Amino acid sequence: MTAMSRILCPVDFSETSQHAVEHAIALARWSRGTIVAQHVYVPPFAPIPGLPRPELRMPDAARQRVSDEISAMFDEARADGIPVETAIDIGHPAQMIVDRAAAVHSDLVVIGTHGTGGFQHLVLGSVAERVLRQAHCPVLTVPPRAHATSELPFRRILCAVDFSEPSLAAWRFAQGIARGTGAHTILLHVIEWPWREPPAPRLDELPAEQAAALDEYRRYVDRTARVRLEGLIPPDADTPVSVQVADGRPYVEILRAALGGPADLIVMGVHGRSIPDLALFGSTANQVVRRATCPVMTLRS
C-alpha cells in the first residue's frame, strides 16, 4: 500500500465535505494511517494591509462547538480504530490548509470540491484550487456526492501517463493503492497530434506515397506507446493492469476513459510547482479536476 500514514482532511461541515471524509476514512483504513481533521475558522474581519495585525481569536463557545462537530464527522473512523487528530486554525482557508499539511508532514490532503461538476463553476483563487497548486504532498479532490459516479472501495483506477517523471510517480502511487484495494488499474497514454487545428489530414486525400508514410507513422507512435506502457507493468504485479492508447486532447480522452470504465479514481502527475503562474488553470490536470465525476489524485513535480 502507498504510504499514507498521515492524511489531512479539511472539513467545513457541508455535504461535500462529508463525502470527502468518507474517502479519507477509506484510505486511512487501507493504509492504517492517522487522519488529521482540520477546520479553518474565518474571522469576521480581515486584517488591513499596513496596520498591525490584530490577534486572531475564536470564541471559546464556537471552538467547542466546532470540535464537537468534527468529532461527530469522524465517529466511523474512531469506531474502526483509526486515530483521528483535530486541528482548528484561524485565517484564510487555503493558506491554513497548506500550512497545516506541511506542519503535520501530511502524506495526502483529501478535500471536497463544491459546485455542480466539481470545479466547473469555481473561480480562480478558490480554496481547493489553491491547495492543489500549493500543497507539497498529493491531493485527492472529491466531487460532490450528487455528481459522483464512483464507489468505495476503489475497484477501477485510471492512471494517465505521459512518461514524464511526475506521471511515473503517479503510476507508482496508483500501484500502491491498487495493492491495498485489489483494484484493476488502467494505464492510459494520450497522443496529441500537432494538427488539432486545422483538422488531421485524411489519408484518402493525400498522394498514395504520403498517405502510406503517414499511416505507418501513426501506427508506429501508437505501437511504441503501447510497448512503453506495457513495460511499466511489474512482472510480479498481483492486481490486474491493462493499457489504453488514445489520441486527441489529453483531458478529453482522460475523462472519456474514466466515464467508460467507469473509473472510481483518476491518478495523474502535475508539472510546474516551481512556476507559480503556470498553476493549474488551462492545464490538463485542472480540466480533469473541473469535470471529473470521480475523485482525482494529483501529484505535483
Protein backbone atom coordinates (compact mmCIF):
# COMPACT_ATOMS: atom_id res chain seq x y z
CA MET A 1 0.00 0.00 0.00
CA THR A 2 1.22 3.50 -0.83
CA ALA A 3 2.48 5.27 2.30
CA MET A 4 -0.32 7.42 3.66
CA SER A 5 0.49 7.47 7.34
CA ARG A 6 -0.90 10.98 7.84
CA ILE A 7 -3.96 12.14 5.92
CA LEU A 8 -5.13 15.74 6.26
CA CYS A 9 -8.87 16.16 5.73
CA PRO A 10 -10.20 19.76 5.89
CA VAL A 11 -13.91 19.95 6.70
CA ASP A 12 -16.46 22.77 6.51
CA PHE A 13 -19.43 20.61 7.62
CA SER A 14 -21.08 20.67 4.17
CA GLU A 15 -22.41 17.57 2.37
CA THR A 16 -19.45 17.82 0.01
CA SER A 17 -17.13 17.83 2.99
CA GLN A 18 -18.79 14.71 4.39
CA HIS A 19 -18.23 12.93 1.06
CA ALA A 20 -14.51 13.76 1.32
CA VAL A 21 -14.47 12.44 4.90
CA GLU A 22 -15.72 9.07 3.68
CA HIS A 23 -12.80 8.84 1.25
CA ALA A 24 -10.28 9.92 3.89
CA ILE A 25 -11.55 7.20 6.24
CA ALA A 26 -11.38 4.55 3.50
CA LEU A 27 -7.79 5.48 2.64
CA ALA A 28 -6.75 5.59 6.29
CA ARG A 29 -8.34 2.18 6.82
CA TRP A 30 -6.39 0.65 3.94
CA SER A 31 -3.10 2.34 4.80
CA ARG A 32 -3.52 2.09 8.59
CA GLY A 33 -2.86 5.79 8.75
CA THR A 34 -3.84 8.67 11.00
CA ILE A 35 -6.36 11.31 9.97
CA VAL A 36 -5.79 14.94 10.87
CA ALA A 37 -9.26 16.52 10.76
CA GLN A 38 -8.97 20.25 10.18
CA HIS A 39 -11.44 23.11 10.27
CA VAL A 40 -10.46 26.66 9.38
CA TYR A 41 -12.33 29.42 11.18
CA VAL A 42 -12.55 32.55 9.08
CA PRO A 43 -12.71 35.66 11.32
CA PRO A 44 -15.48 38.17 10.60
CA PHE A 45 -12.92 40.81 9.67
CA ALA A 46 -9.80 40.85 7.53
CA PRO A 47 -6.52 42.45 8.62
CA ILE A 48 -5.91 45.83 6.97
CA PRO A 49 -2.67 45.93 4.99
CA GLY A 50 -0.13 48.31 6.51
CA LEU A 51 -1.63 48.22 10.00
CA PRO A 52 -0.52 46.00 12.88
CA ARG A 53 -2.05 42.55 12.53
CA PRO A 54 -4.61 42.02 15.30
CA GLU A 55 -4.59 38.84 17.32
CA LEU A 56 -6.97 36.41 15.68
CA ARG A 57 -9.11 34.58 18.20
CA MET A 58 -12.02 32.20 18.03
CA PRO A 59 -14.69 32.45 20.70
CA ASP A 60 -14.42 29.59 23.19
CA ALA A 61 -18.03 28.53 22.65
CA ALA A 62 -17.52 28.41 18.88
CA ARG A 63 -14.31 26.42 19.27
CA GLN A 64 -16.04 23.83 21.44
CA ARG A 65 -18.95 23.57 19.01
CA VAL A 66 -16.60 23.08 16.06
CA SER A 67 -14.58 20.49 17.96
CA ASP A 68 -17.76 18.53 18.74
CA GLU A 69 -18.93 18.67 15.11
CA ILE A 70 -15.56 17.48 13.85
CA SER A 71 -15.63 14.61 16.33
CA ALA A 72 -19.09 13.57 15.13
CA MET A 73 -17.98 13.55 11.48
CA PHE A 74 -15.22 11.03 12.26
CA ASP A 75 -17.15 8.68 14.57
CA GLU A 76 -16.89 5.92 11.97
CA ALA A 77 -13.10 6.29 11.84
CA ARG A 78 -12.72 6.00 15.59
CA ALA A 79 -15.07 3.01 15.65
CA ASP A 80 -12.68 1.33 13.19
CA GLY A 81 -9.70 2.10 15.40
CA ILE A 82 -8.34 4.82 13.09
CA PRO A 83 -6.51 7.53 15.07
CA VAL A 84 -8.05 10.97 14.49
CA GLU A 85 -6.37 14.23 15.47
CA THR A 86 -8.22 17.54 15.45
CA ALA A 87 -6.82 20.87 14.28
CA ILE A 88 -8.71 24.16 14.36
CA ASP A 89 -6.96 27.00 12.58
CA ILE A 90 -7.84 30.65 12.09
CA GLY A 91 -7.25 32.56 8.88
CA HIS A 92 -7.57 32.12 5.13
CA PRO A 93 -8.72 28.52 4.48
CA ALA A 94 -6.39 27.70 1.57
CA GLN A 95 -3.29 29.03 3.27
CA MET A 96 -4.16 27.37 6.56
CA ILE A 97 -4.69 24.02 4.83
CA VAL A 98 -1.35 24.23 3.02
CA ASP A 99 0.42 25.32 6.21
CA ARG A 100 -1.20 22.57 8.27
CA ALA A 101 -0.28 19.94 5.67
CA ALA A 102 3.35 21.00 5.95
CA ALA A 103 3.28 21.24 9.75
CA VAL A 104 1.94 17.70 10.28
CA HIS A 105 4.04 16.23 7.42
CA SER A 106 0.90 15.10 5.64
CA ASP A 107 1.26 12.36 3.04
CA LEU A 108 -2.07 13.30 1.45
CA VAL A 109 -4.72 16.01 1.54
CA VAL A 110 -8.32 14.90 0.93
CA ILE A 111 -10.59 17.82 0.09
CA GLY A 112 -14.08 18.17 -1.36
CA THR A 113 -14.88 20.36 -4.34
CA HIS A 114 -18.02 22.47 -4.35
CA GLY A 115 -20.32 23.36 -7.23
CA THR A 116 -22.05 21.33 -9.90
CA GLY A 117 -19.47 19.31 -11.75
CA GLY A 118 -16.63 19.66 -9.26
CA PHE A 119 -14.55 22.69 -10.18
CA GLN A 120 -16.72 23.63 -13.14
CA HIS A 121 -18.24 26.69 -11.52
CA LEU A 122 -15.39 27.63 -9.24
CA VAL A 123 -13.33 30.73 -9.89
CA LEU A 124 -9.59 31.29 -9.81
CA GLY A 125 -8.46 31.59 -6.23
CA SER A 126 -10.92 29.08 -4.78
CA VAL A 127 -9.81 27.12 -1.74
CA ALA A 128 -9.44 23.70 -3.38
CA GLU A 129 -7.68 25.16 -6.43
CA ARG A 130 -5.13 26.97 -4.28
CA VAL A 131 -4.49 23.86 -2.22
CA LEU A 132 -3.94 21.85 -5.40
CA ARG A 133 -1.49 24.45 -6.65
CA GLN A 134 0.50 24.93 -3.46
CA ALA A 135 0.48 21.69 -1.46
CA HIS A 136 3.75 19.77 -1.35
CA CYS A 137 2.02 16.41 -0.98
CA PRO A 138 -0.50 14.58 -3.16
CA VAL A 139 -4.05 15.97 -3.13
CA LEU A 140 -7.24 13.97 -3.56
CA THR A 141 -10.14 16.12 -4.75
CA VAL A 142 -13.56 14.59 -4.18
CA PRO A 143 -16.56 15.82 -6.22
CA PRO A 144 -19.97 16.41 -4.62
CA ARG A 145 -21.88 13.20 -3.93
CA ALA A 146 -24.77 14.34 -6.14
CA HIS A 147 -22.46 14.37 -9.17
CA ALA A 148 -20.26 11.38 -8.30
CA THR A 149 -20.22 8.20 -10.38
CA SER A 150 -17.55 6.39 -8.35
CA GLU A 151 -17.85 3.98 -5.47
CA LEU A 152 -15.80 2.96 -2.45
CA PRO A 153 -13.68 0.92 -2.25
CA PHE A 154 -11.82 1.81 -5.46
CA ARG A 155 -12.19 -1.04 -7.93
CA ARG A 156 -11.04 0.68 -11.14
CA ILE A 157 -8.18 3.17 -11.10
CA LEU A 158 -7.29 5.16 -14.20
CA CYS A 159 -3.70 6.42 -14.27
CA ALA A 160 -2.82 8.90 -17.03
CA VAL A 161 0.84 8.64 -18.10
CA ASP A 162 2.82 10.86 -20.46
CA PHE A 163 6.13 9.20 -19.44
CA SER A 164 7.35 12.29 -17.58
CA GLU A 165 8.70 11.81 -14.05
CA PRO A 166 5.57 13.28 -12.39
CA SER A 167 3.36 10.85 -14.30
CA LEU A 168 5.64 7.92 -13.48
CA ALA A 169 5.47 8.94 -9.81
CA ALA A 170 1.68 8.96 -10.18
CA TRP A 171 1.83 5.44 -11.63
CA ARG A 172 3.88 4.23 -8.64
CA PHE A 173 1.33 5.84 -6.31
CA ALA A 174 -1.56 4.21 -8.19
CA GLN A 175 0.14 0.82 -7.91
CA GLY A 176 0.34 1.24 -4.16
CA ILE A 177 -3.36 1.99 -3.91
CA ALA A 178 -4.20 -0.95 -6.18
CA ARG A 179 -2.20 -3.32 -3.98
CA GLY A 180 -4.14 -2.13 -0.96
CA THR A 181 -7.56 -2.37 -2.58
CA GLY A 182 -7.18 -5.10 -5.21
CA ALA A 183 -8.23 -2.62 -7.87
CA HIS A 184 -7.92 -3.04 -11.62
CA THR A 185 -5.63 -0.31 -12.96
CA ILE A 186 -5.87 1.18 -16.44
CA LEU A 187 -2.69 2.79 -17.76
CA LEU A 188 -3.66 5.46 -20.30
CA HIS A 189 -1.47 7.43 -22.67
CA VAL A 190 -2.95 10.11 -24.90
CA ILE A 191 -1.25 11.06 -28.16
CA GLU A 192 -1.84 14.70 -29.00
CA TRP A 193 -1.15 15.16 -32.70
CA PRO A 194 0.11 18.58 -33.87
CA TRP A 195 -2.76 19.07 -36.31
CA ARG A 196 -5.56 19.79 -33.86
CA GLU A 197 -6.17 22.97 -35.88
CA PRO A 198 -6.58 22.52 -38.83
CA PRO A 199 -8.16 19.02 -38.78
CA ALA A 200 -5.99 15.98 -39.33
CA PRO A 201 -5.29 15.20 -42.98
CA ARG A 202 -7.43 12.45 -44.47
CA LEU A 203 -5.37 9.65 -45.90
CA ASP A 204 -7.62 9.32 -48.97
CA GLU A 205 -6.92 12.95 -49.84
CA LEU A 206 -3.13 12.54 -49.84
CA PRO A 207 -0.88 11.16 -52.56
CA ALA A 208 -0.58 7.42 -52.10
CA GLU A 209 3.07 7.53 -51.02
CA GLN A 210 2.46 10.25 -48.40
CA ALA A 211 -0.69 8.53 -47.15
CA ALA A 212 1.20 5.27 -46.63
CA ALA A 213 4.02 7.05 -44.80
CA LEU A 214 1.62 8.96 -42.53
CA ASP A 215 -0.41 5.84 -41.77
CA GLU A 216 2.73 3.93 -40.90
CA TYR A 217 3.93 6.78 -38.66
CA ARG A 218 0.63 6.83 -36.78
CA ARG A 219 0.82 3.09 -36.26
CA TYR A 220 4.43 3.38 -35.10
CA VAL A 221 3.64 6.05 -32.49
CA ASP A 222 0.65 4.06 -31.21
CA ARG A 223 2.65 0.81 -31.10
CA THR A 224 5.59 2.48 -29.34
CA ALA A 225 3.30 3.98 -26.71
CA ARG A 226 1.70 0.61 -26.01
CA VAL A 227 5.09 -1.07 -25.63
CA ARG A 228 6.24 1.65 -23.22
CA LEU A 229 3.05 1.31 -21.17
CA GLU A 230 3.37 -2.46 -21.01
CA GLY A 231 6.98 -2.01 -19.89
CA LEU A 232 5.73 -0.14 -16.82
CA ILE A 233 3.79 -3.17 -15.56
CA PRO A 234 5.85 -5.08 -12.98
CA PRO A 235 6.28 -8.74 -13.92
CA ASP A 236 5.11 -9.71 -10.45
CA ALA A 237 2.04 -7.42 -10.45
CA ASP A 238 -0.59 -9.06 -8.24
CA THR A 239 -3.52 -6.92 -9.39
CA PRO A 240 -4.87 -6.65 -12.96
CA VAL A 241 -3.43 -3.92 -15.19
CA SER A 242 -4.49 -3.01 -18.72
CA VAL A 243 -3.19 -0.40 -21.15
CA GLN A 244 -5.01 2.04 -23.39
CA VAL A 245 -3.72 4.46 -26.02
CA ALA A 246 -5.96 7.25 -27.31
CA ASP A 247 -5.42 10.30 -29.47
CA GLY A 248 -6.91 13.75 -29.03
CA ARG A 249 -6.94 16.42 -26.35
CA PRO A 250 -5.49 14.78 -23.24
CA TYR A 251 -8.10 16.00 -20.76
CA VAL A 252 -10.97 15.00 -23.06
CA GLU A 253 -9.61 11.48 -23.54
CA ILE A 254 -8.83 11.05 -19.84
CA LEU A 255 -12.38 12.00 -18.92
CA ARG A 256 -13.77 9.78 -21.68
CA ALA A 257 -11.76 6.81 -20.41
CA ALA A 258 -12.83 7.50 -16.82
CA LEU A 259 -16.50 7.50 -17.75
CA GLY A 260 -16.12 4.45 -19.98
CA GLY A 261 -14.82 2.27 -17.12
CA PRO A 262 -16.27 3.78 -15.13
CA ALA A 263 -13.22 4.67 -13.03
CA ASP A 264 -13.51 5.11 -9.28
CA LEU A 265 -10.30 7.15 -9.16
CA ILE A 266 -8.09 9.10 -11.57
CA VAL A 267 -4.40 9.42 -10.67
CA MET A 268 -2.15 11.84 -12.56
CA GLY A 269 1.06 13.80 -12.21
CA VAL A 270 1.16 17.58 -12.44
CA HIS A 271 4.04 19.72 -13.67
CA GLY A 272 5.23 23.13 -12.65
CA ARG A 273 5.32 23.64 -8.89
CA SER A 274 8.36 25.90 -9.36
CA ILE A 275 6.46 28.22 -11.69
CA PRO A 276 3.54 29.64 -9.69
CA ASP A 277 1.92 31.38 -12.62
CA LEU A 278 1.74 28.11 -14.52
CA ALA A 279 -0.67 26.98 -11.80
CA LEU A 280 -3.34 24.58 -13.00
CA PHE A 281 -5.74 26.79 -14.90
CA GLY A 282 -5.75 25.79 -18.54
CA SER A 283 -3.67 22.67 -17.87
CA THR A 284 -4.74 19.08 -18.42
CA ALA A 285 -4.89 18.38 -14.68
CA ASN A 286 -7.10 21.36 -13.98
CA GLN A 287 -9.52 20.49 -16.75
CA VAL A 288 -9.77 16.92 -15.47
CA VAL A 289 -10.38 18.02 -11.87
CA ARG A 290 -13.02 20.53 -13.00
CA ARG A 291 -15.04 17.98 -14.91
CA ALA A 292 -14.38 14.58 -13.33
CA THR A 293 -17.25 12.75 -11.66
CA CYS A 294 -14.85 10.60 -9.63
CA PRO A 295 -12.08 11.61 -7.21
CA VAL A 296 -8.83 12.81 -8.78
CA MET A 297 -5.44 12.23 -7.15
CA THR A 298 -2.83 14.75 -8.29
CA LEU A 299 0.90 14.52 -7.55
CA ARG A 300 3.00 17.59 -8.23
CA SER A 301 6.56 17.65 -9.53
